[in-house]
């Protein structure tokens, strides 16, 4: 076999790159850990969420974790998402929205 033929055959043995766009349609896990909840509610990390957890449960009716002796603690995704929907946006996003609303209100008032 010639050198070019061997190179072309060797090149065809490479595994094709898989399209991983199907991962966007994968089912979401039914349970969330503190590290997964933290960004959803505007905390820096799971440790900050764990520090605030008792206050959230007591004062803002945050869902309780699943009753289990296993670690890490897990919360039902559906309950956390429902709580977030009742609360509105996380503080970090809410402050940006408030600033945008205040700016547009000031512009409207200046035009009036």
Protein backbone atom coordinates (compact mmCIF):
# COMPACT_ATOMS: atom_id res chain seq x y z
CA UNK A 1 0.00 0.00 0.00
CA UNK A 2 1.14 3.46 -0.69
CA UNK A 3 1.79 6.03 2.02
CA UNK A 4 -1.15 8.23 0.93
CA UNK A 5 -3.57 5.29 1.02
CA UNK A 6 -2.44 4.34 4.53
CA UNK A 7 -2.85 7.94 5.73
CA UNK A 8 -6.36 8.16 4.31
CA UNK A 9 -7.39 4.88 5.94
CA UNK A 10 -5.88 5.88 9.27
CA UNK A 11 -7.75 9.17 9.12
CA UNK A 12 -11.07 7.39 8.68
CA UNK A 13 -10.56 5.36 11.86
CA UNK A 14 -11.06 8.38 14.09
CA UNK A 15 -14.28 8.35 16.06
CA UNK A 16 -16.75 10.92 14.78
CA UNK A 17 -17.54 13.82 17.08
CA UNK A 18 -20.90 13.24 18.72
CA UNK A 19 -23.52 15.93 18.70
CA UNK A 20 -24.45 16.50 22.35
CA UNK A 21 -27.36 18.84 21.77
CA UNK A 22 -29.65 16.08 23.00
CA UNK A 23 -28.44 16.82 26.54
CA UNK A 24 -30.60 19.96 26.57
CA UNK A 25 -33.64 17.67 26.41
CA UNK A 26 -32.49 15.32 29.17
CA UNK A 27 -34.85 15.20 32.13
CA UNK A 28 -33.91 17.43 35.03
CA UNK A 29 -33.12 15.69 38.31
CA UNK A 30 -36.09 15.46 40.66
CA UNK A 31 -33.99 16.50 43.66
CA UNK A 32 -31.58 19.41 44.19
CA UNK A 33 -28.60 19.81 46.51
CA UNK A 34 -27.67 23.03 48.31
CA UNK A 35 -25.03 23.75 45.66
CA UNK A 36 -27.67 23.50 42.92
CA UNK A 37 -30.23 25.62 44.81
CA UNK A 38 -27.83 28.46 45.66
CA UNK A 39 -27.63 30.10 42.20
CA UNK A 40 -31.38 29.70 41.72
CA UNK A 41 -32.15 31.86 44.75
CA UNK A 42 -29.30 34.35 44.40
CA UNK A 43 -26.71 32.91 46.81
CA UNK A 44 -23.01 32.78 45.94
CA UNK A 45 -22.63 29.09 46.78
CA UNK A 46 -24.13 26.18 48.70
CA UNK A 47 -22.39 27.23 51.91
CA UNK A 48 -24.12 30.64 51.89
CA UNK A 49 -27.46 28.94 51.21
CA UNK A 50 -26.92 26.52 54.12
CA UNK A 51 -26.22 29.46 56.45
CA UNK A 52 -29.47 31.18 55.37
CA UNK A 53 -31.55 28.02 55.21
CA UNK A 54 -33.10 28.13 58.68
CA UNK A 55 -34.14 31.77 58.26
CA UNK A 56 -35.61 31.02 54.84
CA UNK A 57 -37.58 28.07 56.23
CA UNK A 58 -38.83 30.01 59.24
CA UNK A 59 -39.49 33.44 57.74
CA UNK A 60 -40.20 32.80 54.06
CA UNK A 61 -41.69 29.30 54.07
CA UNK A 62 -38.81 27.72 52.11
CA UNK A 63 -39.46 23.99 51.53
CA UNK A 64 -37.96 21.52 53.96
CA UNK A 65 -35.34 19.02 52.74
CA UNK A 66 -36.29 15.42 52.14
CA UNK A 67 -36.41 13.44 55.40
CA UNK A 68 -33.33 11.26 55.11
CA UNK A 69 -30.18 10.52 57.05
CA UNK A 70 -28.08 10.62 53.89
CA UNK A 71 -25.87 13.55 53.01
CA UNK A 72 -25.96 15.85 51.15
CA UNK A 73 -29.43 17.09 51.98
CA UNK A 74 -31.78 17.20 48.99
CA UNK A 75 -34.89 19.22 48.21
CA UNK A 76 -37.65 18.40 45.74
CA UNK A 77 -37.08 20.41 42.57
CA UNK A 78 -40.82 21.03 42.12
CA UNK A 79 -41.15 22.52 45.62
CA UNK A 80 -38.10 24.76 45.21
CA UNK A 81 -39.28 26.00 41.80
CA UNK A 82 -42.76 26.70 43.21
CA UNK A 83 -41.21 28.64 46.12
CA UNK A 84 -39.08 30.68 43.70
CA UNK A 85 -42.17 31.47 41.61
CA UNK A 86 -43.97 32.72 44.74
CA UNK A 87 -40.97 34.84 45.79
CA UNK A 88 -40.15 36.50 42.48
CA UNK A 89 -36.62 37.09 41.25
CA UNK A 90 -33.44 36.54 43.30
CA UNK A 91 -32.08 39.74 44.88
CA UNK A 92 -29.20 40.00 42.41
CA UNK A 93 -31.59 39.93 39.44
CA UNK A 94 -34.29 41.98 41.18
CA UNK A 95 -31.88 44.85 41.88
CA UNK A 96 -30.89 44.99 38.19
CA UNK A 97 -34.55 45.03 37.17
CA UNK A 98 -35.32 47.74 39.74
CA UNK A 99 -32.48 49.89 38.44
CA UNK A 100 -33.75 49.52 34.88
CA UNK A 101 -37.30 50.39 35.95
CA UNK A 102 -36.11 53.43 37.93
CA UNK A 103 -34.10 54.65 34.95
CA UNK A 104 -37.07 54.33 32.58
CA UNK A 105 -39.36 56.05 35.09
CA UNK A 106 -36.93 58.96 35.45
CA UNK A 107 -36.76 59.36 31.67
CA UNK A 108 -40.57 59.31 31.42
CA UNK A 109 -40.83 61.91 34.18
CA UNK A 110 -38.28 64.15 32.44
CA UNK A 111 -40.33 64.03 29.23
CA UNK A 112 -43.56 64.94 31.01
